[in-house]
N, C-alpha and C. Protein backbone atom coordinates (compact mmCIF):
# COMPACT_ATOMS: atom_id res chain seq x y z
N MET A 1 -7.80 141.40 101.15
CA MET A 1 -8.04 140.00 101.27
C MET A 1 -6.73 139.33 101.60
N THR A 2 -6.81 138.48 102.57
CA THR A 2 -5.58 137.81 102.99
C THR A 2 -5.39 136.53 102.19
N ALA A 3 -4.14 136.17 101.97
CA ALA A 3 -3.83 134.94 101.19
C ALA A 3 -4.13 133.72 102.04
N GLN A 4 -4.73 132.76 101.38
CA GLN A 4 -4.99 131.50 102.11
C GLN A 4 -3.70 130.71 102.23
N ARG A 5 -3.60 130.07 103.34
CA ARG A 5 -2.41 129.25 103.59
C ARG A 5 -2.55 127.93 102.85
N GLN A 6 -1.47 127.46 102.19
CA GLN A 6 -1.49 126.18 101.48
C GLN A 6 -1.38 125.04 102.49
N ILE A 7 -2.26 124.06 102.32
CA ILE A 7 -2.20 122.88 103.20
C ILE A 7 -1.03 121.99 102.79
N PHE A 8 -0.85 121.78 101.48
CA PHE A 8 0.25 120.95 100.99
C PHE A 8 1.21 121.83 100.19
N PRO A 9 2.37 122.06 100.71
CA PRO A 9 3.35 122.85 99.94
C PRO A 9 3.70 122.10 98.64
N ASP A 10 4.12 122.84 97.63
CA ASP A 10 4.44 122.25 96.32
C ASP A 10 5.51 121.17 96.42
N THR A 11 6.52 121.36 97.23
CA THR A 11 7.60 120.37 97.33
C THR A 11 7.11 119.06 97.92
N LEU A 12 6.18 119.13 98.87
CA LEU A 12 5.64 117.91 99.48
C LEU A 12 4.83 117.11 98.47
N VAL A 13 4.04 117.80 97.65
CA VAL A 13 3.22 117.13 96.65
C VAL A 13 4.10 116.47 95.61
N LYS A 14 5.16 117.14 95.18
CA LYS A 14 6.05 116.58 94.17
C LYS A 14 6.76 115.33 94.68
N LYS A 15 7.20 115.36 95.93
CA LYS A 15 7.94 114.22 96.49
C LYS A 15 7.03 113.04 96.77
N SER A 16 5.79 113.29 97.12
CA SER A 16 4.92 112.18 97.51
C SER A 16 4.01 111.72 96.39
N ALA A 17 4.15 112.24 95.18
CA ALA A 17 3.30 111.84 94.06
C ALA A 17 3.39 110.34 93.78
N PRO A 18 4.59 109.72 93.72
CA PRO A 18 4.64 108.27 93.47
C PRO A 18 3.98 107.47 94.59
N ALA A 19 4.12 107.93 95.82
CA ALA A 19 3.50 107.22 96.94
C ALA A 19 1.99 107.32 96.88
N LEU A 20 1.49 108.51 96.50
CA LEU A 20 0.04 108.68 96.38
C LEU A 20 -0.52 107.83 95.25
N LEU A 21 0.22 107.73 94.15
CA LEU A 21 -0.21 106.91 93.03
C LEU A 21 -0.28 105.44 93.44
N ALA A 22 0.75 104.96 94.14
CA ALA A 22 0.77 103.56 94.61
C ALA A 22 -0.38 103.30 95.57
N LEU A 23 -0.65 104.24 96.47
CA LEU A 23 -1.73 104.10 97.44
C LEU A 23 -3.08 104.02 96.73
N SER A 24 -3.27 104.87 95.72
CA SER A 24 -4.55 104.85 95.01
C SER A 24 -4.71 103.55 94.23
N MET A 25 -3.63 102.98 93.71
CA MET A 25 -3.71 101.70 93.00
C MET A 25 -4.06 100.57 93.95
N LEU A 26 -3.50 100.58 95.14
CA LEU A 26 -3.81 99.55 96.13
C LEU A 26 -5.27 99.61 96.56
N ILE A 27 -5.76 100.82 96.77
CA ILE A 27 -7.17 100.99 97.16
C ILE A 27 -8.08 100.49 96.05
N GLY A 28 -7.74 100.82 94.80
CA GLY A 28 -8.54 100.36 93.66
C GLY A 28 -8.54 98.85 93.55
N ALA A 29 -7.39 98.23 93.75
CA ALA A 29 -7.30 96.77 93.68
C ALA A 29 -8.13 96.14 94.79
N ALA A 30 -8.10 96.72 95.98
CA ALA A 30 -8.88 96.19 97.10
C ALA A 30 -10.37 96.28 96.80
N LEU A 31 -10.79 97.37 96.19
CA LEU A 31 -12.22 97.52 95.85
C LEU A 31 -12.64 96.48 94.81
N VAL A 32 -11.80 96.24 93.81
CA VAL A 32 -12.12 95.24 92.78
C VAL A 32 -12.22 93.87 93.42
N CYS A 33 -11.26 93.51 94.27
CA CYS A 33 -11.31 92.21 94.96
C CYS A 33 -12.56 92.09 95.81
N GLY A 34 -12.95 93.16 96.46
CA GLY A 34 -14.15 93.13 97.29
C GLY A 34 -15.39 92.88 96.47
N HIS A 35 -15.46 93.49 95.27
CA HIS A 35 -16.61 93.26 94.40
C HIS A 35 -16.63 91.83 93.89
N VAL A 36 -15.47 91.26 93.56
CA VAL A 36 -15.41 89.87 93.08
C VAL A 36 -15.83 88.91 94.18
N LEU A 37 -15.35 89.14 95.39
CA LEU A 37 -15.71 88.25 96.50
C LEU A 37 -17.19 88.36 96.82
N ALA A 38 -17.73 89.57 96.72
CA ALA A 38 -19.16 89.76 97.01
C ALA A 38 -20.01 89.06 95.96
N ALA A 39 -19.50 88.95 94.71
CA ALA A 39 -20.27 88.32 93.64
C ALA A 39 -20.22 86.80 93.72
N THR A 40 -19.27 86.23 94.50
CA THR A 40 -19.14 84.77 94.61
C THR A 40 -20.25 84.25 95.50
N PRO A 41 -20.96 83.21 95.05
CA PRO A 41 -22.03 82.64 95.89
C PRO A 41 -21.48 82.10 97.20
N ALA A 42 -22.25 82.20 98.23
CA ALA A 42 -21.82 81.74 99.56
C ALA A 42 -21.61 80.24 99.58
N ALA A 43 -22.40 79.48 98.82
CA ALA A 43 -22.25 78.02 98.80
C ALA A 43 -20.90 77.62 98.23
N ALA A 44 -20.45 78.33 97.19
CA ALA A 44 -19.17 78.01 96.59
C ALA A 44 -18.03 78.30 97.55
N LYS A 45 -18.16 79.38 98.33
CA LYS A 45 -17.14 79.71 99.32
C LYS A 45 -17.02 78.63 100.37
N ALA A 46 -18.13 78.08 100.81
CA ALA A 46 -18.13 77.10 101.90
C ALA A 46 -17.53 75.78 101.45
N THR A 47 -17.77 75.36 100.19
CA THR A 47 -17.27 74.05 99.75
C THR A 47 -15.86 74.11 99.21
N ASP A 48 -15.36 75.26 98.81
CA ASP A 48 -14.03 75.36 98.23
C ASP A 48 -12.99 75.56 99.33
N THR A 49 -12.40 74.45 99.77
CA THR A 49 -11.37 74.54 100.82
C THR A 49 -9.99 74.25 100.26
N HIS A 50 -9.86 74.12 98.94
CA HIS A 50 -8.58 73.85 98.29
C HIS A 50 -7.64 75.04 98.46
N VAL A 51 -6.41 74.75 98.84
CA VAL A 51 -5.41 75.80 99.00
C VAL A 51 -4.40 75.62 97.88
N ASP A 52 -4.14 76.67 97.14
CA ASP A 52 -3.17 76.63 96.05
C ASP A 52 -1.78 76.78 96.65
N THR A 53 -1.12 75.64 96.85
CA THR A 53 0.20 75.68 97.51
C THR A 53 1.27 76.24 96.59
N ASP A 54 1.02 76.29 95.27
CA ASP A 54 2.02 76.85 94.37
C ASP A 54 2.18 78.35 94.57
N SER A 55 1.14 79.00 95.08
CA SER A 55 1.20 80.45 95.24
C SER A 55 1.71 80.87 96.61
N ILE A 56 1.93 79.92 97.50
CA ILE A 56 2.41 80.26 98.84
C ILE A 56 3.91 80.48 98.79
N ILE A 57 4.36 81.56 99.31
CA ILE A 57 5.79 81.88 99.30
C ILE A 57 6.45 81.20 100.48
N SER A 58 7.56 80.53 100.21
CA SER A 58 8.28 79.80 101.25
C SER A 58 8.93 80.76 102.23
N THR A 59 8.99 80.34 103.48
CA THR A 59 9.66 81.15 104.50
C THR A 59 11.12 80.76 104.65
N ILE A 60 11.56 79.75 103.88
CA ILE A 60 12.96 79.32 103.93
C ILE A 60 13.76 80.23 103.00
N ASN A 61 14.86 80.79 103.52
CA ASN A 61 15.62 81.71 102.69
C ASN A 61 16.47 80.95 101.66
N ALA A 62 17.01 81.66 100.71
CA ALA A 62 17.73 81.05 99.59
C ALA A 62 18.95 80.27 100.05
N SER A 63 19.69 80.76 101.03
CA SER A 63 20.89 80.06 101.46
C SER A 63 20.55 78.72 102.12
N GLU A 64 19.42 78.64 102.80
CA GLU A 64 19.01 77.38 103.41
C GLU A 64 18.54 76.38 102.35
N ARG A 65 18.00 76.88 101.25
CA ARG A 65 17.54 75.98 100.19
C ARG A 65 18.69 75.48 99.33
N THR A 66 19.81 76.16 99.31
CA THR A 66 20.89 75.82 98.38
C THR A 66 22.14 75.28 99.07
N ARG A 67 22.08 75.01 100.35
CA ARG A 67 23.28 74.46 100.99
C ARG A 67 23.52 73.05 100.46
N PRO A 68 24.78 72.60 100.40
CA PRO A 68 25.06 71.29 99.81
C PRO A 68 24.49 70.15 100.63
N PHE A 69 24.11 69.10 99.94
CA PHE A 69 23.58 67.90 100.61
C PHE A 69 24.73 67.20 101.31
N PRO A 70 24.59 66.89 102.60
CA PRO A 70 25.71 66.25 103.30
C PRO A 70 25.97 64.85 102.76
N VAL A 71 27.23 64.53 102.58
CA VAL A 71 27.61 63.22 102.05
C VAL A 71 27.36 62.17 103.12
N GLY A 72 26.75 61.09 102.73
CA GLY A 72 26.46 60.01 103.67
C GLY A 72 27.71 59.24 104.06
N GLU A 73 27.57 58.47 105.08
CA GLU A 73 28.68 57.65 105.56
C GLU A 73 29.02 56.60 104.51
N LYS A 74 30.30 56.36 104.32
CA LYS A 74 30.76 55.34 103.39
C LYS A 74 30.78 54.02 104.15
N LEU A 75 30.01 53.07 103.64
CA LEU A 75 29.84 51.82 104.35
C LEU A 75 29.57 50.69 103.37
N ALA A 76 30.22 49.56 103.58
CA ALA A 76 29.92 48.36 102.80
C ALA A 76 29.02 47.47 103.67
N TYR A 77 28.12 46.73 103.03
CA TYR A 77 27.21 45.89 103.81
C TYR A 77 26.72 44.71 102.98
N PHE A 78 26.39 43.63 103.70
CA PHE A 78 25.78 42.46 103.08
C PHE A 78 24.30 42.73 102.91
N VAL A 79 23.77 42.34 101.76
CA VAL A 79 22.37 42.61 101.45
C VAL A 79 21.46 41.48 101.91
N ASN A 80 21.88 40.24 101.72
CA ASN A 80 20.96 39.12 101.91
C ASN A 80 21.32 38.17 103.05
N ILE A 81 22.41 38.40 103.73
CA ILE A 81 22.76 37.55 104.89
C ILE A 81 23.05 38.46 106.08
N LYS A 82 22.91 37.87 107.28
CA LYS A 82 23.15 38.65 108.49
C LYS A 82 23.85 37.77 109.53
N ASP A 83 24.32 38.41 110.57
CA ASP A 83 25.02 37.71 111.64
C ASP A 83 24.12 36.63 112.23
N GLY A 84 24.66 35.41 112.37
CA GLY A 84 23.92 34.31 112.96
C GLY A 84 23.18 33.43 111.97
N ASP A 85 23.20 33.78 110.68
CA ASP A 85 22.51 32.96 109.68
C ASP A 85 23.14 31.58 109.57
N GLN A 86 22.27 30.60 109.27
CA GLN A 86 22.72 29.24 108.95
C GLN A 86 22.49 29.02 107.47
N VAL A 87 23.53 28.56 106.78
CA VAL A 87 23.46 28.41 105.32
C VAL A 87 24.01 27.04 104.92
N ARG A 88 23.73 26.64 103.70
CA ARG A 88 24.32 25.43 103.11
C ARG A 88 25.14 25.86 101.91
N SER A 89 26.35 25.33 101.80
CA SER A 89 27.23 25.67 100.68
C SER A 89 26.80 24.91 99.43
N PRO A 90 26.93 25.53 98.27
CA PRO A 90 27.29 26.94 98.07
C PRO A 90 26.10 27.85 98.37
N PHE A 91 26.36 29.04 98.87
CA PHE A 91 25.29 29.98 99.19
C PHE A 91 25.57 31.34 98.56
N ARG A 92 24.49 31.99 98.18
CA ARG A 92 24.58 33.28 97.51
C ARG A 92 24.83 34.38 98.53
N VAL A 93 25.74 35.29 98.19
CA VAL A 93 26.02 36.46 99.02
C VAL A 93 25.94 37.69 98.12
N ALA A 94 25.07 38.63 98.47
CA ALA A 94 24.95 39.90 97.75
C ALA A 94 25.46 41.00 98.66
N PHE A 95 26.10 42.01 98.06
CA PHE A 95 26.71 43.07 98.86
C PHE A 95 26.65 44.39 98.13
N ALA A 96 26.81 45.48 98.89
CA ALA A 96 26.71 46.83 98.33
C ALA A 96 27.61 47.77 99.12
N VAL A 97 27.74 48.98 98.58
CA VAL A 97 28.52 50.03 99.24
C VAL A 97 27.77 51.35 99.08
N THR A 98 27.84 52.20 100.09
CA THR A 98 27.26 53.55 99.98
C THR A 98 28.39 54.57 99.98
N GLY A 99 28.17 55.67 99.29
CA GLY A 99 29.16 56.75 99.27
C GLY A 99 30.30 56.55 98.30
N MET A 100 30.32 55.44 97.58
CA MET A 100 31.37 55.14 96.60
C MET A 100 30.73 54.48 95.39
N GLY A 101 31.44 54.51 94.29
CA GLY A 101 31.00 53.80 93.09
C GLY A 101 31.76 52.49 92.95
N VAL A 102 31.16 51.53 92.28
CA VAL A 102 31.81 50.24 92.03
C VAL A 102 32.30 50.23 90.60
N SER A 103 33.58 49.89 90.42
CA SER A 103 34.14 49.81 89.08
C SER A 103 35.13 48.64 89.02
N PRO A 104 35.29 48.05 87.83
CA PRO A 104 36.24 46.95 87.71
C PRO A 104 37.68 47.45 87.78
N VAL A 105 38.58 46.57 88.15
CA VAL A 105 40.00 46.90 88.24
C VAL A 105 40.51 47.38 86.88
N ALA A 106 40.03 46.74 85.80
CA ALA A 106 40.49 47.09 84.45
C ALA A 106 40.19 48.53 84.07
N ALA A 107 39.24 49.17 84.74
CA ALA A 107 38.91 50.57 84.44
C ALA A 107 40.00 51.52 84.92
N GLY A 108 40.88 51.05 85.79
CA GLY A 108 41.97 51.88 86.28
C GLY A 108 41.56 52.77 87.44
N ASP A 109 42.33 53.82 87.62
CA ASP A 109 42.13 54.73 88.76
C ASP A 109 41.02 55.73 88.45
N ILE A 110 39.83 55.45 88.96
CA ILE A 110 38.70 56.37 88.82
C ILE A 110 38.37 56.86 90.22
N HIS A 111 38.47 58.17 90.41
CA HIS A 111 38.25 58.76 91.74
C HIS A 111 36.88 58.35 92.30
N GLY A 112 36.86 57.95 93.58
CA GLY A 112 35.61 57.64 94.26
C GLY A 112 35.03 56.28 93.92
N THR A 113 35.83 55.42 93.29
CA THR A 113 35.34 54.07 92.96
C THR A 113 36.31 53.02 93.47
N GLY A 114 35.84 51.79 93.46
CA GLY A 114 36.67 50.66 93.86
C GLY A 114 35.89 49.38 93.66
N HIS A 115 36.35 48.32 94.32
CA HIS A 115 35.66 47.04 94.21
C HIS A 115 35.67 46.33 95.55
N HIS A 116 34.83 45.33 95.66
CA HIS A 116 34.62 44.61 96.92
C HIS A 116 35.62 43.47 97.11
N HIS A 117 35.83 43.14 98.38
CA HIS A 117 36.56 41.95 98.81
C HIS A 117 35.81 41.37 100.00
N ILE A 118 35.83 40.06 100.13
CA ILE A 118 35.29 39.43 101.34
C ILE A 118 36.45 38.79 102.08
N LEU A 119 36.57 39.18 103.34
CA LEU A 119 37.57 38.55 104.22
C LEU A 119 36.87 37.40 104.94
N ILE A 120 37.40 36.20 104.78
CA ILE A 120 36.81 35.01 105.39
C ILE A 120 37.72 34.54 106.52
N ASP A 121 37.20 34.55 107.73
CA ASP A 121 37.94 34.11 108.92
C ASP A 121 39.26 34.87 109.08
N MET A 122 39.25 36.15 108.72
CA MET A 122 40.45 36.98 108.82
C MET A 122 40.12 38.31 109.48
N PRO A 123 41.07 38.85 110.28
CA PRO A 123 40.86 40.20 110.84
C PRO A 123 41.12 41.24 109.75
N MET A 124 40.84 42.48 110.07
CA MET A 124 41.16 43.58 109.16
C MET A 124 42.68 43.62 108.97
N PRO A 125 43.15 43.92 107.76
CA PRO A 125 44.60 44.00 107.54
C PRO A 125 45.24 45.06 108.43
N ALA A 126 46.42 44.75 108.94
CA ALA A 126 47.13 45.68 109.82
C ALA A 126 47.84 46.78 109.03
N ASP A 127 48.38 46.45 107.87
CA ASP A 127 49.11 47.41 107.04
C ASP A 127 48.12 48.13 106.13
N ILE A 128 47.90 49.40 106.39
CA ILE A 128 46.88 50.14 105.65
C ILE A 128 47.31 50.50 104.23
N LYS A 129 48.58 50.32 103.90
CA LYS A 129 49.06 50.65 102.56
C LYS A 129 49.30 49.41 101.70
N ALA A 130 49.17 48.23 102.28
CA ALA A 130 49.44 46.99 101.54
C ALA A 130 48.19 46.53 100.81
N PRO A 131 48.35 46.04 99.58
CA PRO A 131 47.19 45.48 98.87
C PRO A 131 46.66 44.24 99.57
N ILE A 132 45.40 43.96 99.38
CA ILE A 132 44.79 42.76 99.95
C ILE A 132 45.36 41.55 99.20
N PRO A 133 45.87 40.56 99.92
CA PRO A 133 46.48 39.41 99.24
C PRO A 133 45.44 38.53 98.52
N PHE A 134 45.94 37.64 97.68
CA PHE A 134 45.10 36.68 96.95
C PHE A 134 45.28 35.30 97.54
N ASP A 135 44.19 34.51 97.54
CA ASP A 135 44.30 33.10 97.91
C ASP A 135 44.98 32.34 96.77
N LYS A 136 45.42 31.13 97.10
CA LYS A 136 45.94 30.25 96.05
C LYS A 136 44.78 29.86 95.13
N PRO A 137 45.06 29.64 93.85
CA PRO A 137 43.99 29.25 92.94
C PRO A 137 43.30 27.97 93.40
N ASN A 138 41.98 27.92 93.25
CA ASN A 138 41.15 26.76 93.60
C ASN A 138 41.26 26.34 95.07
N GLU A 139 41.58 27.27 95.94
CA GLU A 139 41.66 26.98 97.37
C GLU A 139 40.25 26.77 97.90
N TYR A 140 40.05 25.69 98.66
CA TYR A 140 38.72 25.41 99.21
C TYR A 140 38.73 25.44 100.73
N GLN A 141 39.57 24.67 101.34
CA GLN A 141 39.55 24.52 102.79
C GLN A 141 40.02 25.78 103.53
N HIS A 142 40.88 26.55 102.91
CA HIS A 142 41.45 27.70 103.62
C HIS A 142 41.29 28.99 102.82
N GLN A 143 40.07 29.29 102.42
CA GLN A 143 39.80 30.54 101.70
C GLN A 143 39.84 31.70 102.70
N HIS A 144 40.49 32.78 102.32
CA HIS A 144 40.56 33.94 103.21
C HIS A 144 40.20 35.25 102.51
N TYR A 145 40.57 35.39 101.23
CA TYR A 145 40.38 36.66 100.53
C TYR A 145 39.69 36.42 99.19
N LYS A 146 38.48 36.92 99.08
CA LYS A 146 37.75 36.83 97.83
C LYS A 146 37.76 38.22 97.18
N HIS A 147 38.30 38.29 95.98
CA HIS A 147 38.39 39.55 95.23
C HIS A 147 37.27 39.59 94.20
N PHE A 148 36.71 40.76 94.03
CA PHE A 148 35.65 40.97 93.04
C PHE A 148 36.06 42.12 92.12
N GLY A 149 37.19 41.89 91.46
CA GLY A 149 37.81 42.90 90.61
C GLY A 149 37.09 43.20 89.32
N ASN A 150 36.05 42.44 89.00
CA ASN A 150 35.26 42.76 87.81
C ASN A 150 34.07 43.65 88.15
N GLY A 151 34.01 44.11 89.40
CA GLY A 151 32.92 44.99 89.83
C GLY A 151 31.68 44.23 90.27
N GLU A 152 31.84 42.95 90.60
CA GLU A 152 30.69 42.14 91.02
C GLU A 152 30.10 42.65 92.33
N THR A 153 28.80 42.44 92.49
CA THR A 153 28.11 42.80 93.73
C THR A 153 27.37 41.60 94.31
N GLU A 154 27.67 40.42 93.82
CA GLU A 154 27.18 39.18 94.42
C GLU A 154 28.05 38.03 93.97
N THR A 155 27.99 36.94 94.75
CA THR A 155 28.80 35.76 94.45
C THR A 155 28.17 34.54 95.09
N LEU A 156 28.71 33.37 94.78
CA LEU A 156 28.39 32.13 95.48
C LEU A 156 29.61 31.75 96.29
N LEU A 157 29.44 31.58 97.58
CA LEU A 157 30.54 31.13 98.43
C LEU A 157 30.36 29.65 98.70
N ASP A 158 31.43 28.91 98.58
CA ASP A 158 31.43 27.47 98.87
C ASP A 158 32.43 27.25 99.99
N LEU A 159 31.92 27.23 101.21
CA LEU A 159 32.78 27.10 102.39
C LEU A 159 32.55 25.77 103.07
N PRO A 160 33.58 25.23 103.72
CA PRO A 160 33.39 23.98 104.46
C PRO A 160 32.44 24.18 105.64
N ALA A 161 31.86 23.09 106.11
CA ALA A 161 30.92 23.15 107.24
C ALA A 161 31.60 23.74 108.47
N GLY A 162 30.82 24.46 109.25
CA GLY A 162 31.33 25.08 110.47
C GLY A 162 31.03 26.56 110.50
N LYS A 163 31.55 27.24 111.55
CA LYS A 163 31.33 28.68 111.70
C LYS A 163 32.42 29.44 110.94
N HIS A 164 31.98 30.50 110.27
CA HIS A 164 32.92 31.34 109.52
C HIS A 164 32.56 32.81 109.73
N THR A 165 33.60 33.64 109.84
CA THR A 165 33.37 35.08 109.91
C THR A 165 33.55 35.66 108.51
N LEU A 166 32.71 36.62 108.20
CA LEU A 166 32.76 37.30 106.90
C LEU A 166 32.74 38.81 107.14
N ARG A 167 33.55 39.51 106.36
CA ARG A 167 33.57 40.97 106.41
C ARG A 167 33.87 41.48 105.01
N LEU A 168 33.11 42.48 104.58
CA LEU A 168 33.40 43.15 103.31
C LEU A 168 34.46 44.22 103.54
N LEU A 169 35.34 44.36 102.56
CA LEU A 169 36.34 45.42 102.61
C LEU A 169 36.45 46.00 101.19
N PHE A 170 36.25 47.29 101.07
CA PHE A 170 36.24 47.96 99.78
C PHE A 170 37.64 48.51 99.51
N ALA A 171 38.12 48.35 98.27
CA ALA A 171 39.49 48.75 97.95
C ALA A 171 39.57 49.39 96.57
N ASP A 172 40.70 50.05 96.30
CA ASP A 172 40.88 50.72 95.01
C ASP A 172 41.33 49.72 93.93
N HIS A 173 41.68 50.24 92.75
CA HIS A 173 42.05 49.39 91.61
C HIS A 173 43.34 48.61 91.84
N ASN A 174 44.14 49.03 92.82
CA ASN A 174 45.36 48.30 93.18
C ASN A 174 45.13 47.37 94.37
N HIS A 175 43.88 47.18 94.78
CA HIS A 175 43.50 46.32 95.91
C HIS A 175 43.94 46.88 97.25
N VAL A 176 44.27 48.17 97.29
CA VAL A 176 44.64 48.82 98.56
C VAL A 176 43.34 49.28 99.22
N PRO A 177 43.08 48.82 100.45
CA PRO A 177 41.80 49.13 101.09
C PRO A 177 41.58 50.62 101.33
N TYR A 178 40.33 51.04 101.15
CA TYR A 178 39.89 52.37 101.58
C TYR A 178 39.51 52.33 103.06
N TYR A 179 39.44 51.15 103.62
CA TYR A 179 38.93 50.92 104.98
C TYR A 179 37.48 51.35 105.10
N ILE A 180 36.77 51.07 104.04
CA ILE A 180 35.31 51.13 104.03
C ILE A 180 34.89 49.68 104.14
N SER A 181 34.29 49.32 105.26
CA SER A 181 34.03 47.90 105.48
C SER A 181 32.65 47.69 106.10
N SER A 182 32.25 46.43 106.08
CA SER A 182 31.02 46.04 106.75
C SER A 182 31.35 45.64 108.18
N LYS A 183 30.32 45.43 108.97
CA LYS A 183 30.53 44.81 110.27
C LYS A 183 30.84 43.34 110.01
N GLN A 184 31.65 42.77 110.86
CA GLN A 184 31.95 41.35 110.73
C GLN A 184 30.73 40.55 111.16
N ILE A 185 30.36 39.55 110.36
CA ILE A 185 29.25 38.68 110.72
C ILE A 185 29.77 37.25 110.81
N THR A 186 29.06 36.43 111.56
CA THR A 186 29.38 35.01 111.67
C THR A 186 28.22 34.22 111.10
N VAL A 187 28.53 33.31 110.17
CA VAL A 187 27.52 32.41 109.61
C VAL A 187 27.94 30.99 109.90
N THR A 188 26.96 30.13 110.04
CA THR A 188 27.24 28.71 110.25
C THR A 188 26.88 27.99 108.97
N VAL A 189 27.88 27.32 108.40
CA VAL A 189 27.66 26.53 107.20
C VAL A 189 27.31 25.11 107.66
N LEU A 190 26.12 24.68 107.29
CA LEU A 190 25.64 23.36 107.69
C LEU A 190 26.27 22.28 106.84
N ASP A 191 26.37 21.11 107.41
CA ASP A 191 26.92 19.96 106.69
C ASP A 191 26.04 19.67 105.48
N LYS A 192 26.64 19.35 104.34
CA LYS A 192 25.89 19.13 103.11
C LYS A 192 25.05 17.85 103.17
N THR A 193 25.40 16.92 104.04
CA THR A 193 24.69 15.63 104.07
C THR A 193 23.30 15.74 104.71
N HIS A 194 23.04 16.78 105.48
CA HIS A 194 21.74 16.90 106.16
C HIS A 194 20.78 17.70 105.35
């Protein structure tokens, strides 16, 4: 009697045992799912169109999900007035800044913070290292520099009748500008008698 030839050598069976086990588990799971789906009424299948989005795996890789958020542009801006507005004195002016924090001068040197200034009928300062000057106390006719060293974000401006340019300029605790500014706007202050 001749020996029968082995179809699967012993070494092949030993090496592929984990793969065969995994394959048989997958087939078993597929059969169970098939029985569950077959037991579901057809009417329920047709009306249930809800998709469980929590179970959907994202196609965005981890590095794309965790890259840092880009810092926005640092900009000061007027909130309630715009170029060409006509106002009557005194008028309210509200302002804000993006990309920086607002803090009072008394808080000292806090990184990434500062306070607002309004330049009235003045160009941007030429000396980038010089502090923004102060007007004389109780100056009315020739106001040029309004400081908001207490961290204010709004004020009442009392300007004489006529056209005036306004620009916000953000500066540090020493009043040295960061050169974060608004666009210059022109407002017309109407005569108080009308």
